């Protein structure tokens, strides 16, 4: 089935792109992700919703032609908002959820939406932005993680106190 709407976990995708997110570059990170997604959905003639953990303002949404950028309200996670959107979208067969969060992907699959891991969606983004380092993928329910991407993925064993304080300041 053809994808008409990508529902994307914004910061999850930014991390897979390899962008280090700091309070000084937060807006630039969001803009970069939005521009890359916009190029892809223009080529695919569909639309996308990027969901970011928010600014604390109820219903903060910005519309850029074919990409809606949603910031969750204070106390609501991007994951919870994505689940709510999955439930509200009537045509789930043309919806594709982009995340590497297994809980979100499983929720989408059970809801009969298509899924693609952020690592695999990244290949589509690179293709859309003129990089030929990987081939585009099709969304499907069991997209494999590429071994070389999994090997490159680095997750810190714990978050430092300064990182926690920085995120508290950013998201109040």
Protein backbone atom coordinates (compact mmCIF):
# COMPACT_ATOMS: atom_id res chain seq x y z
CA UNK A 1 0.00 0.00 0.00
CA UNK A 2 1.25 3.46 -0.86
CA UNK A 3 2.22 5.78 2.00
CA UNK A 4 0.25 9.01 2.10
CA UNK A 5 1.30 10.18 5.55
CA UNK A 6 4.52 9.68 7.52
CA UNK A 7 4.19 10.10 11.31
CA UNK A 8 7.74 10.68 12.57
CA UNK A 9 9.33 10.66 16.02
CA UNK A 10 11.41 13.81 15.42
CA UNK A 11 14.20 13.57 18.00
CA UNK A 12 14.49 9.82 17.46
CA UNK A 13 15.18 10.48 13.78
CA UNK A 14 17.58 13.34 14.57
CA UNK A 15 19.63 11.01 16.77
CA UNK A 16 19.78 8.39 13.99
CA UNK A 17 20.97 11.05 11.55
CA UNK A 18 23.83 11.53 13.99
CA UNK A 19 23.08 15.08 15.03
CA UNK A 20 24.25 15.95 18.52
CA UNK A 21 21.45 17.90 20.14
CA UNK A 22 22.35 20.73 22.50
CA UNK A 23 20.36 23.68 23.83
CA UNK A 24 22.32 25.93 21.46
CA UNK A 25 21.45 23.99 18.29
CA UNK A 26 17.98 22.68 19.16
CA UNK A 27 16.10 24.89 16.68
CA UNK A 28 18.66 24.18 13.94
CA UNK A 29 18.33 20.42 14.51
CA UNK A 30 14.55 20.62 14.15
CA UNK A 31 14.88 22.75 11.02
CA UNK A 32 17.41 20.36 9.46
CA UNK A 33 15.20 17.34 10.11
CA UNK A 34 12.14 19.18 8.78
CA UNK A 35 13.93 20.24 5.58
CA UNK A 36 15.17 16.71 4.89
CA UNK A 37 11.74 15.23 5.51
CA UNK A 38 10.12 17.93 3.36
CA UNK A 39 12.35 17.05 0.41
CA UNK A 40 11.45 13.37 0.72
CA UNK A 41 7.70 13.83 1.04
CA UNK A 42 7.72 16.25 -1.89
CA UNK A 43 9.29 13.55 -4.02
CA UNK A 44 6.87 10.90 -2.75
CA UNK A 45 3.89 13.26 -3.10
CA UNK A 46 2.67 12.68 0.42
CA UNK A 47 2.73 14.50 3.74
CA UNK A 48 4.46 14.12 7.09
CA UNK A 49 3.96 15.02 10.72
CA UNK A 50 7.12 15.46 12.80
CA UNK A 51 6.48 15.10 16.52
CA UNK A 52 8.96 16.59 19.00
CA UNK A 53 8.83 16.54 22.78
CA UNK A 54 7.54 20.01 23.27
CA UNK A 55 7.62 23.53 24.26
CA UNK A 56 4.97 23.07 26.90
CA UNK A 57 2.35 24.95 24.87
CA UNK A 58 -0.89 23.06 24.32
CA UNK A 59 -1.32 22.25 20.66
CA UNK A 60 1.82 23.99 19.39
CA UNK A 61 1.91 23.13 15.69
CA UNK A 62 3.78 24.71 12.81
CA UNK A 63 2.81 23.98 9.21
CA UNK A 64 5.37 24.02 6.39
CA UNK A 65 3.66 23.11 3.12
CA UNK A 66 3.72 19.28 3.29
CA UNK A 67 5.20 18.88 6.81
CA UNK A 68 3.43 19.61 10.08
CA UNK A 69 5.72 20.07 13.08
CA UNK A 70 4.05 19.27 16.40
CA UNK A 71 5.47 20.06 19.83
CA UNK A 72 3.86 18.09 22.62
CA UNK A 73 2.34 19.85 25.60
CA UNK A 74 4.12 19.95 28.92
CA UNK A 75 3.89 16.53 30.54
CA UNK A 76 3.10 14.72 27.27
CA UNK A 77 5.78 12.69 25.51
CA UNK A 78 6.20 12.45 21.76
CA UNK A 79 5.53 8.71 22.13
CA UNK A 80 2.15 9.31 23.79
CA UNK A 81 1.22 11.90 21.17
CA UNK A 82 2.18 9.54 18.33
CA UNK A 83 0.00 6.78 19.81
CA UNK A 84 -2.90 9.22 20.09
CA UNK A 85 -2.44 10.26 16.44
CA UNK A 86 -2.33 6.63 15.31
CA UNK A 87 -5.68 6.11 17.03
CA UNK A 88 -7.20 9.25 15.45
CA UNK A 89 -6.09 8.72 11.83
CA UNK A 90 -8.87 6.83 10.04
CA UNK A 91 -6.84 5.52 7.08
CA UNK A 92 -4.15 3.54 8.89
CA UNK A 93 -3.22 1.49 5.82
CA UNK A 94 -1.68 4.60 4.20
CA UNK A 95 0.00 5.76 7.43
CA UNK A 96 3.66 4.95 8.07
CA UNK A 97 5.11 5.46 11.56
CA UNK A 98 8.83 6.27 11.66
CA UNK A 99 10.65 5.50 14.92
CA UNK A 100 13.18 3.13 16.40
CA UNK A 101 11.21 2.85 19.62
CA UNK A 102 10.01 -0.75 19.68
CA UNK A 103 6.95 0.10 21.78
CA UNK A 104 5.78 2.72 19.23
CA UNK A 105 6.47 0.40 16.30
CA UNK A 106 4.54 -2.45 17.94
CA UNK A 107 1.62 -0.14 18.73
CA UNK A 108 1.53 1.00 15.09
CA UNK A 109 1.68 -2.59 13.79
CA UNK A 110 -1.17 -3.71 16.05
CA UNK A 111 -3.14 -0.70 14.78
CA UNK A 112 -2.46 -1.88 11.20
CA UNK A 113 -0.28 1.10 10.26
CA UNK A 114 2.90 0.61 8.27
CA UNK A 115 6.20 1.08 10.10
CA UNK A 116 9.79 1.82 9.28
CA UNK A 117 12.69 2.10 11.67
CA UNK A 118 14.39 5.50 11.74
CA UNK A 119 17.66 3.87 10.62
CA UNK A 120 16.01 2.62 7.44
CA UNK A 121 14.05 5.81 6.84
CA UNK A 122 17.39 7.61 6.98
CA UNK A 123 18.33 5.87 3.72
CA UNK A 124 15.27 7.42 2.06
CA UNK A 125 16.26 10.83 3.42
CA UNK A 126 19.81 10.48 2.13
CA UNK A 127 18.51 9.50 -1.29
CA UNK A 128 16.14 12.47 -1.33
CA UNK A 129 18.99 14.83 -0.47
CA UNK A 130 21.17 13.57 -3.36
CA UNK A 131 23.25 11.04 -1.46
CA UNK A 132 23.61 7.66 -3.15
CA UNK A 133 25.16 5.90 -0.18
CA UNK A 134 22.14 3.69 0.31
CA UNK A 135 19.07 2.56 -1.56
CA UNK A 136 15.57 3.69 -0.61
CA UNK A 137 13.59 1.31 1.53
CA UNK A 138 9.90 0.53 1.44
CA UNK A 139 7.98 0.73 4.68
CA UNK A 140 7.04 -2.64 6.07
CA UNK A 141 6.26 -4.18 9.39
CA UNK A 142 9.54 -5.97 10.01
CA UNK A 143 12.22 -3.68 8.59
CA UNK A 144 15.61 -5.18 9.56
CA UNK A 145 18.26 -3.08 11.19
CA UNK A 146 21.30 -2.93 8.97
CA UNK A 147 24.27 -4.48 10.75
CA UNK A 148 26.65 -1.64 9.94
CA UNK A 149 24.18 0.94 11.25
CA UNK A 150 23.59 -1.06 14.41
CA UNK A 151 27.34 -1.31 14.95
CA UNK A 152 27.68 2.48 14.61
CA UNK A 153 24.85 3.18 17.01
CA UNK A 154 26.19 4.34 20.35
CA UNK A 155 24.03 4.77 23.38
CA UNK A 156 25.60 6.01 26.60
CA UNK A 157 25.25 3.64 29.52
CA UNK A 158 23.84 6.42 31.67
CA UNK A 159 22.90 10.06 31.44
CA UNK A 160 25.10 12.54 33.27
CA UNK A 161 23.69 14.94 35.85
CA UNK A 162 24.61 17.90 33.62
CA UNK A 163 22.68 16.37 30.70
CA UNK A 164 19.61 15.89 32.88
CA UNK A 165 19.83 19.50 34.08
CA UNK A 166 20.20 20.75 30.49
CA UNK A 167 17.09 18.82 29.37
CA UNK A 168 15.16 20.11 32.40
CA UNK A 169 16.00 23.68 31.38
CA UNK A 170 15.03 23.03 27.77
CA UNK A 171 11.73 21.33 28.50
CA UNK A 172 10.89 22.90 31.86
